[in-house]
N, C-alpha and C. Protein backbone atom coordinates (compact mmCIF):
# COMPACT_ATOMS: atom_id res chain seq x y z
N MET A 1 -164.47 -71.69 119.61
CA MET A 1 -163.44 -72.51 119.66
C MET A 1 -163.57 -74.08 119.74
N THR A 2 -163.12 -74.56 118.56
CA THR A 2 -163.41 -76.52 118.76
C THR A 2 -162.52 -77.05 119.71
N ASP A 3 -162.90 -77.82 121.10
CA ASP A 3 -161.62 -78.78 121.60
C ASP A 3 -161.08 -79.47 120.68
N HIS A 4 -160.10 -79.84 120.33
CA HIS A 4 -159.32 -80.78 119.51
C HIS A 4 -158.67 -81.94 120.36
N THR A 5 -158.53 -81.38 121.66
CA THR A 5 -157.63 -81.82 122.73
C THR A 5 -157.85 -84.26 122.33
N GLN A 6 -158.97 -83.54 122.56
CA GLN A 6 -159.34 -85.36 122.65
C GLN A 6 -159.92 -85.92 121.09
N ASP A 7 -159.31 -85.64 120.16
CA ASP A 7 -159.59 -86.09 119.41
C ASP A 7 -158.43 -86.58 118.43
N ALA A 8 -158.47 -87.75 117.78
CA ALA A 8 -157.21 -88.66 117.51
C ALA A 8 -156.76 -87.67 116.08
N ILE A 9 -155.51 -88.43 116.08
CA ILE A 9 -155.54 -87.41 114.55
C ILE A 9 -155.38 -89.21 113.10
N VAL A 10 -155.64 -88.66 112.65
CA VAL A 10 -155.76 -89.56 111.42
C VAL A 10 -155.36 -89.48 109.88
N VAL A 11 -154.94 -90.74 109.18
CA VAL A 11 -154.57 -90.11 108.08
C VAL A 11 -155.84 -90.24 106.79
N VAL A 12 -155.96 -89.03 106.06
CA VAL A 12 -156.92 -89.36 105.45
C VAL A 12 -156.68 -89.71 103.91
N GLN A 13 -155.86 -89.40 103.21
CA GLN A 13 -154.83 -90.22 102.35
C GLN A 13 -153.59 -90.14 102.02
N THR A 14 -152.93 -90.89 101.70
CA THR A 14 -151.40 -90.97 101.26
C THR A 14 -151.36 -90.47 99.79
N TYR A 15 -149.91 -89.65 99.39
CA TYR A 15 -150.44 -89.33 97.96
C TYR A 15 -148.68 -89.86 97.60
N SER A 16 -148.19 -89.86 95.81
CA SER A 16 -147.34 -90.41 95.65
C SER A 16 -145.84 -89.10 95.45
N ASP A 17 -146.72 -87.86 95.35
CA ASP A 17 -146.48 -86.74 95.29
C ASP A 17 -146.69 -85.91 96.02
N ILE A 18 -145.75 -84.69 96.42
CA ILE A 18 -146.11 -83.45 97.34
C ILE A 18 -147.02 -82.43 96.95
N ALA A 19 -146.62 -82.09 95.63
CA ALA A 19 -147.78 -81.60 95.04
C ALA A 19 -149.65 -81.66 95.25
N ALA A 20 -149.81 -83.22 95.12
CA ALA A 20 -151.38 -83.71 94.97
C ALA A 20 -151.44 -83.68 96.56
N ALA A 21 -150.49 -83.93 97.79
CA ALA A 21 -151.21 -83.61 98.83
C ALA A 21 -151.22 -82.32 98.98
N VAL A 22 -150.63 -80.96 98.81
CA VAL A 22 -150.52 -80.22 99.27
C VAL A 22 -152.16 -79.73 98.65
N SER A 23 -152.42 -80.14 97.25
CA SER A 23 -153.77 -79.78 96.79
C SER A 23 -154.45 -80.61 97.48
N ALA A 24 -154.52 -81.13 98.04
CA ALA A 24 -156.13 -81.95 98.86
C ALA A 24 -155.27 -81.04 100.41
N LYS A 25 -154.63 -80.86 100.81
CA LYS A 25 -154.65 -79.97 102.15
C LYS A 25 -155.32 -78.85 101.87
N GLU A 26 -154.81 -78.54 100.58
CA GLU A 26 -156.02 -76.78 100.79
C GLU A 26 -157.75 -77.22 100.52
N LYS A 27 -157.80 -78.16 99.92
CA LYS A 27 -159.32 -78.21 99.25
C LYS A 27 -159.72 -78.67 100.70
N LEU A 28 -159.39 -79.72 101.63
CA LEU A 28 -159.63 -79.69 102.82
C LEU A 28 -159.74 -78.36 103.93
N GLU A 29 -158.97 -77.70 104.04
CA GLU A 29 -159.04 -76.77 104.48
C GLU A 29 -159.78 -75.26 104.11
N GLU A 30 -159.94 -75.67 102.23
CA GLU A 30 -161.33 -74.57 101.77
C GLU A 30 -162.31 -75.38 102.34
N ALA A 31 -162.48 -76.31 103.30
CA ALA A 31 -163.87 -77.06 103.51
C ALA A 31 -164.27 -77.16 104.90
N GLY A 32 -163.31 -76.55 105.55
CA GLY A 32 -163.32 -75.84 107.01
C GLY A 32 -162.96 -76.87 107.70
N ILE A 33 -162.21 -78.43 107.19
CA ILE A 33 -161.51 -78.88 107.87
C ILE A 33 -159.62 -78.78 108.33
N THR A 34 -159.34 -78.78 109.16
CA THR A 34 -158.09 -78.31 109.65
C THR A 34 -157.05 -79.96 109.08
N ALA A 35 -156.10 -79.76 108.36
CA ALA A 35 -155.51 -80.46 107.68
C ALA A 35 -153.86 -80.41 108.08
N THR A 36 -152.89 -81.61 107.80
CA THR A 36 -151.33 -81.60 107.82
C THR A 36 -150.94 -82.35 107.00
N ILE A 37 -149.58 -82.26 107.02
CA ILE A 37 -148.74 -82.77 105.94
C ILE A 37 -147.62 -83.24 106.30
N ASP A 38 -147.62 -84.73 106.76
CA ASP A 38 -146.87 -85.22 107.69
C ASP A 38 -145.30 -85.18 106.77
N ASP A 39 -144.27 -84.55 107.88
CA ASP A 39 -143.11 -84.69 107.44
C ASP A 39 -142.45 -84.27 105.99
N MET A 40 -142.99 -82.80 105.14
CA MET A 40 -142.20 -83.14 103.96
C MET A 40 -140.57 -82.70 104.05
N ASP A 41 -140.19 -82.29 105.45
CA ASP A 41 -138.90 -82.34 104.78
C ASP A 41 -138.12 -83.63 104.22
N VAL A 42 -138.62 -85.16 104.71
CA VAL A 42 -138.00 -86.23 104.65
C VAL A 42 -138.52 -86.82 103.47
N VAL A 43 -139.76 -86.38 102.47
CA VAL A 43 -140.27 -86.57 100.96
C VAL A 43 -139.03 -86.77 100.12
N GLY A 44 -138.61 -87.90 99.81
CA GLY A 44 -137.74 -87.98 99.41
C GLY A 44 -136.21 -89.52 99.85
N MET A 45 -136.56 -89.04 100.68
CA MET A 45 -136.11 -90.30 102.01
C MET A 45 -136.63 -91.63 101.29
N THR A 46 -137.88 -91.69 101.56
CA THR A 46 -138.50 -92.81 101.58
C THR A 46 -139.80 -92.48 100.67
N PRO A 47 -139.14 -92.86 99.02
CA PRO A 47 -139.96 -92.09 98.60
C PRO A 47 -141.16 -93.49 97.97
N LEU A 48 -141.16 -94.23 98.52
CA LEU A 48 -142.40 -94.92 98.36
C LEU A 48 -143.73 -94.86 99.64
N ALA A 49 -142.90 -94.32 100.49
CA ALA A 49 -143.70 -94.30 101.90
C ALA A 49 -145.35 -92.99 101.43
N GLY A 50 -144.90 -92.99 100.89
CA GLY A 50 -145.57 -91.37 100.39
C GLY A 50 -145.67 -90.26 101.02
N THR A 51 -146.77 -89.29 100.57
CA THR A 51 -146.74 -88.01 101.88
C THR A 51 -148.65 -88.23 102.43
N ALA A 52 -148.35 -88.52 103.44
CA ALA A 52 -149.69 -88.63 104.47
C ALA A 52 -150.21 -87.01 104.77
N VAL A 53 -151.39 -87.38 103.80
CA VAL A 53 -152.29 -86.01 104.51
C VAL A 53 -153.31 -86.54 105.97
N LYS A 54 -152.70 -85.46 107.12
CA LYS A 54 -153.84 -86.02 108.36
C LYS A 54 -154.66 -84.90 109.10
N ILE A 55 -155.71 -85.73 109.33
CA ILE A 55 -157.08 -84.62 109.28
C ILE A 55 -157.76 -85.06 111.36
N PHE A 56 -158.28 -84.49 112.22
CA PHE A 56 -159.29 -85.21 112.83
C PHE A 56 -159.79 -85.85 113.02
N SER A 57 -160.19 -86.85 113.69
CA SER A 57 -160.81 -88.28 112.99
C SER A 57 -162.52 -87.79 113.25
N LYS A 58 -162.86 -86.78 113.45
CA LYS A 58 -164.32 -86.40 113.70
C LYS A 58 -164.41 -85.52 112.53
N ASP A 59 -163.32 -85.46 111.48
CA ASP A 59 -163.83 -85.05 110.07
C ASP A 59 -163.64 -85.73 109.22
N LEU A 60 -163.02 -87.21 109.52
CA LEU A 60 -162.81 -87.99 108.41
C LEU A 60 -164.17 -88.40 107.50
N GLU A 61 -165.01 -88.48 107.89
CA GLU A 61 -166.17 -88.62 106.76
C GLU A 61 -166.25 -87.27 105.43
N LYS A 62 -166.24 -86.19 106.53
CA LYS A 62 -166.68 -84.87 105.71
C LYS A 62 -164.82 -84.61 104.44
N ALA A 63 -163.88 -85.54 105.01
CA ALA A 63 -162.64 -84.89 104.46
C ALA A 63 -162.96 -86.08 103.34
N LYS A 64 -163.41 -87.26 103.34
CA LYS A 64 -163.94 -88.40 102.68
C LYS A 64 -164.38 -87.86 101.30
N GLN A 65 -165.47 -87.18 101.72
CA GLN A 65 -166.91 -86.56 100.58
C GLN A 65 -165.73 -84.89 99.67
N VAL A 66 -165.05 -84.46 100.36
CA VAL A 66 -164.46 -83.43 100.11
C VAL A 66 -163.26 -84.46 98.78
N LEU A 67 -162.38 -84.79 98.97
CA LEU A 67 -161.17 -85.27 98.52
C LEU A 67 -162.20 -86.40 97.16
N ALA A 68 -162.89 -86.75 97.46
CA ALA A 68 -163.77 -87.75 95.90
C ALA A 68 -164.60 -86.80 95.65
N GLY A 69 -164.88 -85.58 95.13
CA GLY A 69 -165.56 -84.75 94.80
C GLY A 69 -164.67 -83.85 93.96
């Protein structure tokens, strides 16, 4: 198993709606990339902030390719 303790968590993409963020998270996970969605409970309280999808920084380049495809 990979040790993620030394790996920074970064935002790979921010979405204006939760459905798009969930879809992106699922695509990333299908590609073997661990992804999380930032605080789904507060969506709507700050609608201009968007919903951030976060990953480990070591996966950033692969994640960008997955989301671009």
